[in-house]
């Protein structure tokens, strides 16, 4: 089982900055500079999710980022041959495998690990041979955790959209399947990450309820907050939520 720091780490997903750049052409904002600024402002990791159409992060961005980042680099994506080739060139600290079809707008489901276990086992083995930690994007399905562990993956990343949607109605009910899935993962020796639709309102409670949460990857909400609050201040606010959660354990 992984030995994890008790304070959950914040990895900033910079896809939306690339979307803004691509909308106008040119290199403003400069994605590399944004990533370096996020690190200097307190981000403990940088996440990118290159897609086949390169509508936000481009494959070349990934290669340009790697030599300059000082924190953990997390590359998310569907394990197509092109994606796997890119990962092997970039050598990130972590690869998060998601089951996105090529045209999907954003990640909207986790792996059915019993169904795809043999496929994932081969991909995971290949990536771990490259020295990468491997995480599998997973719905809050406790019964699918064992198959995730049997792929040889190091972690799961809990897909938290349904938690975020239900949080304001009944946060206890919203978090319950996530807590159970995370506990099952911990019992199987898997680390636990989380991501998707986490924000300043719902993040702290999730981290309180899963005290061994290793990392959250946050992009869209953080960038939206930064439009009003400033990027430096926003990253510090997200870090503060995670620190407060750790102090409650």
C-alpha atoms as a PDB file:
ATOM      1  CA  UNK A   1       0.000   0.000   0.000  1.00  0.00           C
ATOM      2  CA  UNK A   2       1.198   3.491  -0.834  1.00  0.00           C
ATOM      3  CA  UNK A   3       2.476   5.704   1.947  1.00  0.00           C
ATOM      4  CA  UNK A   4       0.637   8.997   1.441  1.00  0.00           C
ATOM      5  CA  UNK A   5       0.915  12.418   2.992  1.00  0.00           C
ATOM      6  CA  UNK A   6      -2.098  13.151   5.221  1.00  0.00           C
ATOM      7  CA  UNK A   7      -2.779  16.433   3.395  1.00  0.00           C
ATOM      8  CA  UNK A   8      -4.361  15.859   0.000  1.00  0.00           C
ATOM      9  CA  UNK A   9      -2.391  17.407  -2.867  1.00  0.00           C
ATOM     10  CA  UNK A  10      -3.829  19.840  -5.401  1.00  0.00           C
ATOM     11  CA  UNK A  11      -3.053  19.217  -9.065  1.00  0.00           C
ATOM     12  CA  UNK A  12      -4.232  22.029 -11.354  1.00  0.00           C
ATOM     13  CA  UNK A  13      -5.672  20.975 -14.700  1.00  0.00           C
ATOM     14  CA  UNK A  14      -4.561  23.613 -17.222  1.00  0.00           C
ATOM     15  CA  UNK A  15      -6.720  22.488 -20.180  1.00  0.00           C
ATOM     16  CA  UNK A  16      -8.946  25.570 -20.001  1.00  0.00           C
ATOM     17  CA  UNK A  17      -5.987  27.912 -20.400  1.00  0.00           C
ATOM     18  CA  UNK A  18      -5.139  26.078 -23.605  1.00  0.00           C
ATOM     19  CA  UNK A  19      -8.765  26.393 -24.747  1.00  0.00           C
ATOM     20  CA  UNK A  20      -8.510  30.165 -24.329  1.00  0.00           C
ATOM     21  CA  UNK A  21      -5.234  30.271 -26.250  1.00  0.00           C
ATOM     22  CA  UNK A  22      -6.603  28.185 -29.089  1.00  0.00           C
ATOM     23  CA  UNK A  23      -9.728  30.327 -29.421  1.00  0.00           C
ATOM     24  CA  UNK A  24      -7.668  33.265 -30.641  1.00  0.00           C
ATOM     25  CA  UNK A  25      -4.581  31.610 -32.067  1.00  0.00           C
ATOM     26  CA  UNK A  26      -1.097  32.689 -31.165  1.00  0.00           C
ATOM     27  CA  UNK A  27       0.312  31.943 -27.752  1.00  0.00           C
ATOM     28  CA  UNK A  28      -1.687  34.065 -25.308  1.00  0.00           C
ATOM     29  CA  UNK A  29      -2.044  32.812 -22.657  1.00  0.00           C
ATOM     30  CA  UNK A  30       1.250  30.985 -22.750  1.00  0.00           C
ATOM     31  CA  UNK A  31       0.404  27.503 -21.452  1.00  0.00           C
ATOM     32  CA  UNK A  32       3.914  26.767 -20.232  1.00  0.00           C
ATOM     33  CA  UNK A  33       4.089  30.040 -18.296  1.00  0.00           C
ATOM     34  CA  UNK A  34       0.650  29.395 -16.804  1.00  0.00           C
ATOM     35  CA  UNK A  35       1.807  25.986 -15.581  1.00  0.00           C
ATOM     36  CA  UNK A  36       4.938  27.449 -14.023  1.00  0.00           C
ATOM     37  CA  UNK A  37       2.899  30.209 -12.391  1.00  0.00           C
ATOM     38  CA  UNK A  38       0.443  27.657 -10.976  1.00  0.00           C
ATOM     39  CA  UNK A  39       3.387  25.837  -9.414  1.00  0.00           C
ATOM     40  CA  UNK A  40       4.819  29.045  -7.941  1.00  0.00           C
ATOM     41  CA  UNK A  41       1.352  29.940  -6.594  1.00  0.00           C
ATOM     42  CA  UNK A  42       1.131  26.649  -4.687  1.00  0.00           C
ATOM     43  CA  UNK A  43      -0.079  23.932  -7.061  1.00  0.00           C
ATOM     44  CA  UNK A  44       1.498  20.600  -6.132  1.00  0.00           C
ATOM     45  CA  UNK A  45       0.962  19.091  -9.541  1.00  0.00           C
ATOM     46  CA  UNK A  46      -0.024  19.951 -13.102  1.00  0.00           C
ATOM     47  CA  UNK A  47      -2.629  17.922 -15.001  1.00  0.00           C
ATOM     48  CA  UNK A  48      -3.278  17.877 -18.733  1.00  0.00           C
ATOM     49  CA  UNK A  49      -5.740  15.860 -20.778  1.00  0.00           C
ATOM     50  CA  UNK A  50      -4.713  15.901 -24.455  1.00  0.00           C
ATOM     51  CA  UNK A  51      -7.471  14.709 -26.775  1.00  0.00           C
ATOM     52  CA  UNK A  52      -7.120  13.430 -30.339  1.00  0.00           C
ATOM     53  CA  UNK A  53      -8.501  16.646 -31.883  1.00  0.00           C
ATOM     54  CA  UNK A  54      -6.126  18.777 -29.740  1.00  0.00           C
ATOM     55  CA  UNK A  55      -8.940  21.231 -29.042  1.00  0.00           C
ATOM     56  CA  UNK A  56      -7.206  22.402 -25.880  1.00  0.00           C
ATOM     57  CA  UNK A  57      -3.909  20.843 -24.798  1.00  0.00           C
ATOM     58  CA  UNK A  58      -1.856  19.839 -27.814  1.00  0.00           C
ATOM     59  CA  UNK A  59       0.522  16.918 -27.909  1.00  0.00           C
ATOM     60  CA  UNK A  60       3.389  19.346 -28.399  1.00  0.00           C
ATOM     61  CA  UNK A  61       2.319  21.213 -25.225  1.00  0.00           C
ATOM     62  CA  UNK A  62       2.839  18.013 -23.250  1.00  0.00           C
ATOM     63  CA  UNK A  63       6.375  17.634 -24.550  1.00  0.00           C
ATOM     64  CA  UNK A  64       7.120  21.327 -23.965  1.00  0.00           C
ATOM     65  CA  UNK A  65       5.864  21.205 -20.369  1.00  0.00           C
ATOM     66  CA  UNK A  66       7.750  18.165 -19.127  1.00  0.00           C
ATOM     67  CA  UNK A  67      11.330  19.577 -18.961  1.00  0.00           C
ATOM     68  CA  UNK A  68      10.231  22.639 -17.005  1.00  0.00           C
ATOM     69  CA  UNK A  69       7.781  21.370 -14.388  1.00  0.00           C
ATOM     70  CA  UNK A  70       9.025  20.987 -10.830  1.00  0.00           C
ATOM     71  CA  UNK A  71       5.918  19.330  -9.371  1.00  0.00           C
ATOM     72  CA  UNK A  72       4.185  16.084 -10.343  1.00  0.00           C
ATOM     73  CA  UNK A  73       3.044  15.907 -13.950  1.00  0.00           C
ATOM     74  CA  UNK A  74      -0.211  13.997 -14.473  1.00  0.00           C
ATOM     75  CA  UNK A  75      -1.330  13.146 -18.009  1.00  0.00           C
ATOM     76  CA  UNK A  76      -4.918  11.962 -18.450  1.00  0.00           C
ATOM     77  CA  UNK A  77      -6.340  10.270 -21.503  1.00  0.00           C
ATOM     78  CA  UNK A  78      -7.723   7.288 -23.313  1.00  0.00           C
ATOM     79  CA  UNK A  79      -4.954   4.725 -23.928  1.00  0.00           C
ATOM     80  CA  UNK A  80      -4.899   4.905 -27.716  1.00  0.00           C
ATOM     81  CA  UNK A  81      -1.618   4.119 -29.477  1.00  0.00           C
ATOM     82  CA  UNK A  82      -0.951   7.829 -30.077  1.00  0.00           C
ATOM     83  CA  UNK A  83      -1.616   8.679 -26.429  1.00  0.00           C
ATOM     84  CA  UNK A  84       0.630   5.901 -25.174  1.00  0.00           C
ATOM     85  CA  UNK A  85       3.417   6.988 -27.496  1.00  0.00           C
ATOM     86  CA  UNK A  86       3.107  10.535 -26.149  1.00  0.00           C
ATOM     87  CA  UNK A  87       3.227   9.369 -22.552  1.00  0.00           C
ATOM     88  CA  UNK A  88       6.331   7.318 -23.177  1.00  0.00           C
ATOM     89  CA  UNK A  89       8.047  10.386 -24.626  1.00  0.00           C
ATOM     90  CA  UNK A  90       6.927  12.700 -21.812  1.00  0.00           C
ATOM     91  CA  UNK A  91       7.579  10.297 -18.904  1.00  0.00           C
ATOM     92  CA  UNK A  92       5.133  11.908 -16.426  1.00  0.00           C
ATOM     93  CA  UNK A  93       4.975  10.986 -12.761  1.00  0.00           C
ATOM     94  CA  UNK A  94       1.410   9.754 -13.202  1.00  0.00           C
ATOM     95  CA  UNK A  95      -0.835   8.603 -16.031  1.00  0.00           C
ATOM     96  CA  UNK A  96      -4.588   8.634 -15.413  1.00  0.00           C
ATOM     97  CA  UNK A  97      -6.435   6.359 -17.812  1.00  0.00           C
ATOM     98  CA  UNK A  98      -9.961   7.413 -18.769  1.00  0.00           C
ATOM     99  CA  UNK A  99     -12.450   5.586 -21.028  1.00  0.00           C
ATOM    100  CA  UNK A 100     -13.306   8.656 -23.152  1.00  0.00           C
ATOM    101  CA  UNK A 101     -14.450   8.046 -26.716  1.00  0.00           C
ATOM    102  CA  UNK A 102     -12.693  10.412 -29.167  1.00  0.00           C
ATOM    103  CA  UNK A 103     -15.468  13.019 -29.562  1.00  0.00           C
ATOM    104  CA  UNK A 104     -16.604  13.378 -25.967  1.00  0.00           C
ATOM    105  CA  UNK A 105     -16.808  16.956 -24.646  1.00  0.00           C
ATOM    106  CA  UNK A 106     -15.484  16.075 -21.201  1.00  0.00           C
ATOM    107  CA  UNK A 107     -14.895  12.905 -19.186  1.00  0.00           C
ATOM    108  CA  UNK A 108     -18.316  11.531 -18.269  1.00  0.00           C
ATOM    109  CA  UNK A 109     -17.793   7.992 -16.960  1.00  0.00           C
ATOM    110  CA  UNK A 110     -15.274   5.777 -15.265  1.00  0.00           C
ATOM    111  CA  UNK A 111     -13.946   2.410 -16.388  1.00  0.00           C
ATOM    112  CA  UNK A 112     -16.054  -0.704 -16.197  1.00  0.00           C
ATOM    113  CA  UNK A 113     -13.065  -2.511 -14.729  1.00  0.00           C
ATOM    114  CA  UNK A 114     -14.498  -6.060 -14.740  1.00  0.00           C
ATOM    115  CA  UNK A 115     -15.295  -5.725 -18.458  1.00  0.00           C
ATOM    116  CA  UNK A 116     -11.997  -4.116 -19.477  1.00  0.00           C
ATOM    117  CA  UNK A 117      -9.685  -5.725 -16.912  1.00  0.00           C
ATOM    118  CA  UNK A 118      -7.585  -7.688 -19.397  1.00  0.00           C
ATOM    119  CA  UNK A 119      -7.142  -4.678 -21.680  1.00  0.00           C
ATOM    120  CA  UNK A 120      -6.238  -2.412 -18.771  1.00  0.00           C
ATOM    121  CA  UNK A 121      -3.845  -4.962 -17.280  1.00  0.00           C
ATOM    122  CA  UNK A 122      -1.762  -4.896 -20.458  1.00  0.00           C
ATOM    123  CA  UNK A 123      -1.757  -1.074 -20.647  1.00  0.00           C
ATOM    124  CA  UNK A 124      -0.948  -0.663 -16.954  1.00  0.00           C
ATOM    125  CA  UNK A 125       1.956  -3.095 -17.185  1.00  0.00           C
ATOM    126  CA  UNK A 126       3.323  -1.237 -20.198  1.00  0.00           C
ATOM    127  CA  UNK A 127       3.133   2.153 -18.455  1.00  0.00           C
ATOM    128  CA  UNK A 128       4.591   0.935 -15.170  1.00  0.00           C
ATOM    129  CA  UNK A 129       7.538  -0.471 -17.112  1.00  0.00           C
ATOM    130  CA  UNK A 130       8.133   3.157 -18.174  1.00  0.00           C
ATOM    131  CA  UNK A 131       8.271   4.214 -14.507  1.00  0.00           C
ATOM    132  CA  UNK A 132       4.842   5.896 -14.403  1.00  0.00           C
ATOM    133  CA  UNK A 133       2.354   5.639 -11.561  1.00  0.00           C
ATOM    134  CA  UNK A 134      -0.976   4.574 -13.071  1.00  0.00           C
ATOM    135  CA  UNK A 135      -4.419   5.673 -11.917  1.00  0.00           C
ATOM    136  CA  UNK A 136      -7.775   4.473 -13.282  1.00  0.00           C
ATOM    137  CA  UNK A 137     -10.756   6.812 -13.573  1.00  0.00           C
ATOM    138  CA  UNK A 138     -13.560   5.072 -11.670  1.00  0.00           C
ATOM    139  CA  UNK A 139     -17.215   5.674 -10.855  1.00  0.00           C
ATOM    140  CA  UNK A 140     -18.257   5.262  -7.203  1.00  0.00           C
ATOM    141  CA  UNK A 141     -18.758   1.526  -7.679  1.00  0.00           C
ATOM    142  CA  UNK A 142     -17.301  -0.446  -4.758  1.00  0.00           C
ATOM    143  CA  UNK A 143     -17.825  -3.741  -6.577  1.00  0.00           C
ATOM    144  CA  UNK A 144     -15.482  -2.637  -9.385  1.00  0.00           C
ATOM    145  CA  UNK A 145     -12.538  -1.839  -7.131  1.00  0.00           C
ATOM    146  CA  UNK A 146     -11.191  -5.385  -6.926  1.00  0.00           C
ATOM    147  CA  UNK A 147     -10.943  -5.604 -10.708  1.00  0.00           C
ATOM    148  CA  UNK A 148      -9.167  -2.246 -10.724  1.00  0.00           C
ATOM    149  CA  UNK A 149      -6.612  -3.611  -8.269  1.00  0.00           C
ATOM    150  CA  UNK A 150      -6.156  -6.732 -10.393  1.00  0.00           C
ATOM    151  CA  UNK A 151      -5.063  -4.614 -13.361  1.00  0.00           C
ATOM    152  CA  UNK A 152      -1.928  -3.689 -11.411  1.00  0.00           C
ATOM    153  CA  UNK A 153      -2.864   0.003 -11.187  1.00  0.00           C
ATOM    154  CA  UNK A 154      -1.460   2.067  -8.317  1.00  0.00           C
ATOM    155  CA  UNK A 155      -4.480   4.300  -7.721  1.00  0.00           C
ATOM    156  CA  UNK A 156      -8.028   5.044  -8.728  1.00  0.00           C
ATOM    157  CA  UNK A 157      -9.377   8.504  -9.453  1.00  0.00           C
ATOM    158  CA  UNK A 158     -12.939   8.850  -8.243  1.00  0.00           C
ATOM    159  CA  UNK A 159     -15.155  10.508 -10.876  1.00  0.00           C
ATOM    160  CA  UNK A 160     -16.926  13.062  -8.685  1.00  0.00           C
ATOM    161  CA  UNK A 161     -19.578  14.611 -10.948  1.00  0.00           C
ATOM    162  CA  UNK A 162     -22.501  12.861  -9.241  1.00  0.00           C
ATOM    163  CA  UNK A 163     -21.142  13.918  -5.832  1.00  0.00           C
ATOM    164  CA  UNK A 164     -20.942  17.533  -6.970  1.00  0.00           C
ATOM    165  CA  UNK A 165     -24.451  17.486  -8.447  1.00  0.00           C
ATOM    166  CA  UNK A 166     -26.032  16.019  -5.309  1.00  0.00           C
ATOM    167  CA  UNK A 167     -23.913  17.913  -2.766  1.00  0.00           C
ATOM    168  CA  UNK A 168     -26.295  20.825  -2.180  1.00  0.00           C
ATOM    169  CA  UNK A 169     -29.325  18.539  -1.712  1.00  0.00           C
ATOM    170  CA  UNK A 170     -27.852  15.975   0.678  1.00  0.00           C
ATOM    171  CA  UNK A 171     -24.109  15.933   1.052  1.00  0.00           C
ATOM    172  CA  UNK A 172     -24.086  12.887   3.329  1.00  0.00           C
ATOM    173  CA  UNK A 173     -25.939  10.792   0.766  1.00  0.00           C
ATOM    174  CA  UNK A 174     -23.838  12.250  -2.044  1.00  0.00           C
ATOM    175  CA  UNK A 175     -20.533  11.253  -0.494  1.00  0.00           C
ATOM    176  CA  UNK A 176     -21.564   7.835   0.845  1.00  0.00           C
ATOM    177  CA  UNK A 177     -20.774   5.739  -2.273  1.00  0.00           C
ATOM    178  CA  UNK A 178     -17.479   7.596  -2.710  1.00  0.00           C
ATOM    179  CA  UNK A 179     -16.430   6.930   0.858  1.00  0.00           C
ATOM    180  CA  UNK A 180     -17.287   3.236   0.494  1.00  0.00           C
ATOM    181  CA  UNK A 181     -15.468   2.942  -2.838  1.00  0.00           C
ATOM    182  CA  UNK A 182     -12.426   4.715  -1.402  1.00  0.00           C
ATOM    183  CA  UNK A 183     -12.389   2.447   1.645  1.00  0.00           C
ATOM    184  CA  UNK A 184     -12.575  -0.596  -0.600  1.00  0.00           C
ATOM    185  CA  UNK A 185      -9.697   0.777  -2.663  1.00  0.00           C
ATOM    186  CA  UNK A 186      -7.578   1.386   0.424  1.00  0.00           C
ATOM    187  CA  UNK A 187      -8.241  -2.169   1.576  1.00  0.00           C
ATOM    188  CA  UNK A 188      -7.026  -3.412  -1.825  1.00  0.00           C
ATOM    189  CA  UNK A 189      -3.814  -1.420  -1.549  1.00  0.00           C
ATOM    190  CA  UNK A 190      -4.835   1.288  -4.013  1.00  0.00           C
ATOM    191  CA  UNK A 191      -4.243   4.997  -3.519  1.00  0.00           C
ATOM    192  CA  UNK A 192      -7.231   7.281  -4.056  1.00  0.00           C
ATOM    193  CA  UNK A 193      -7.426  10.444  -6.158  1.00  0.00           C
ATOM    194  CA  UNK A 194     -10.543  12.402  -7.124  1.00  0.00           C
ATOM    195  CA  UNK A 195     -11.619  14.828  -9.794  1.00  0.00           C
ATOM    196  CA  UNK A 196     -14.392  16.415 -11.872  1.00  0.00           C
ATOM    197  CA  UNK A 197     -16.665  19.280 -10.775  1.00  0.00           C
ATOM    198  CA  UNK A 198     -14.909  19.741  -7.443  1.00  0.00           C
ATOM    199  CA  UNK A 199     -14.947  23.376  -6.315  1.00  0.00           C
ATOM    200  CA  UNK A 200     -14.551  25.658  -3.310  1.00  0.00           C
ATOM    201  CA  UNK A 201     -17.985  24.652  -1.999  1.00  0.00           C
ATOM    202  CA  UNK A 202     -17.763  20.850  -2.077  1.00  0.00           C
ATOM    203  CA  UNK A 203     -14.037  20.065  -1.934  1.00  0.00           C
ATOM    204  CA  UNK A 204     -13.431  20.306   1.806  1.00  0.00           C
ATOM    205  CA  UNK A 205     -16.271  17.962   2.745  1.00  0.00           C
ATOM    206  CA  UNK A 206     -15.086  15.286   0.318  1.00  0.00           C
ATOM    207  CA  UNK A 207     -11.562  15.486   1.720  1.00  0.00           C
ATOM    208  CA  UNK A 208     -12.912  15.288   5.266  1.00  0.00           C
ATOM    209  CA  UNK A 209     -14.920  12.178   4.452  1.00  0.00           C
ATOM    210  CA  UNK A 210     -11.995  10.454   2.700  1.00  0.00           C
ATOM    211  CA  UNK A 211      -9.093  11.291   5.032  1.00  0.00           C
ATOM    212  CA  UNK A 212      -6.579   9.267   3.017  1.00  0.00           C
ATOM    213  CA  UNK A 213      -7.382  11.071  -0.250  1.00  0.00           C
ATOM    214  CA  UNK A 214      -4.044  11.521  -2.011  1.00  0.00           C
ATOM    215  CA  UNK A 215      -4.731  14.050  -4.760  1.00  0.00           C
ATOM    216  CA  UNK A 216      -7.472  16.085  -6.389  1.00  0.00           C
ATOM    217  CA  UNK A 217      -7.255  17.307  -9.967  1.00  0.00           C
ATOM    218  CA  UNK A 218      -9.225  20.515 -10.528  1.00  0.00           C
ATOM    219  CA  UNK A 219      -9.419  22.647 -13.635  1.00  0.00           C
ATOM    220  CA  UNK A 220     -12.711  24.112 -14.809  1.00  0.00           C
ATOM    221  CA  UNK A 221     -14.017  25.413 -11.483  1.00  0.00           C
ATOM    222  CA  UNK A 222     -10.603  26.685 -10.436  1.00  0.00           C
ATOM    223  CA  UNK A 223     -10.176  28.645 -13.674  1.00  0.00           C
ATOM    224  CA  UNK A 224     -13.695  30.094 -13.345  1.00  0.00           C
ATOM    225  CA  UNK A 225     -12.927  31.195  -9.781  1.00  0.00           C
ATOM    226  CA  UNK A 226      -9.635  32.703 -10.920  1.00  0.00           C
ATOM    227  CA  UNK A 227     -11.487  35.064 -13.281  1.00  0.00           C
ATOM    228  CA  UNK A 228     -12.918  36.812 -10.215  1.00  0.00           C
ATOM    229  CA  UNK A 229     -10.428  36.027  -7.467  1.00  0.00           C
ATOM    230  CA  UNK A 230      -7.091  35.899  -9.298  1.00  0.00           C
ATOM    231  CA  UNK A 231      -5.103  32.756 -10.010  1.00  0.00           C
ATOM    232  CA  UNK A 232      -2.666  33.031  -7.100  1.00  0.00           C
ATOM    233  CA  UNK A 233      -5.416  33.695  -4.575  1.00  0.00           C
ATOM    234  CA  UNK A 234      -7.632  30.933  -5.992  1.00  0.00           C
ATOM    235  CA  UNK A 235      -4.957  28.253  -5.771  1.00  0.00           C
ATOM    236  CA  UNK A 236      -4.261  29.288  -2.178  1.00  0.00           C
ATOM    237  CA  UNK A 237      -7.982  29.070  -1.370  1.00  0.00           C
ATOM    238  CA  UNK A 238      -8.206  25.534  -2.738  1.00  0.00           C
ATOM    239  CA  UNK A 239      -5.085  24.563  -0.807  1.00  0.00           C
ATOM    240  CA  UNK A 240      -6.647  26.035   2.344  1.00  0.00           C
ATOM    241  CA  UNK A 241      -9.742  23.860   1.928  1.00  0.00           C
ATOM    242  CA  UNK A 242      -7.564  20.749   1.799  1.00  0.00           C
ATOM    243  CA  UNK A 243      -5.518  21.878   4.792  1.00  0.00           C
ATOM    244  CA  UNK A 244      -8.658  22.519   6.844  1.00  0.00           C
ATOM    245  CA  UNK A 245      -9.964  19.078   5.908  1.00  0.00           C
ATOM    246  CA  UNK A 246      -6.723  17.442   7.066  1.00  0.00           C
ATOM    247  CA  UNK A 247      -6.890  19.280  10.400  1.00  0.00           C
ATOM    248  CA  UNK A 248     -10.343  17.835  11.042  1.00  0.00           C
ATOM    249  CA  UNK A 249      -9.143  14.225  10.841  1.00  0.00           C
END
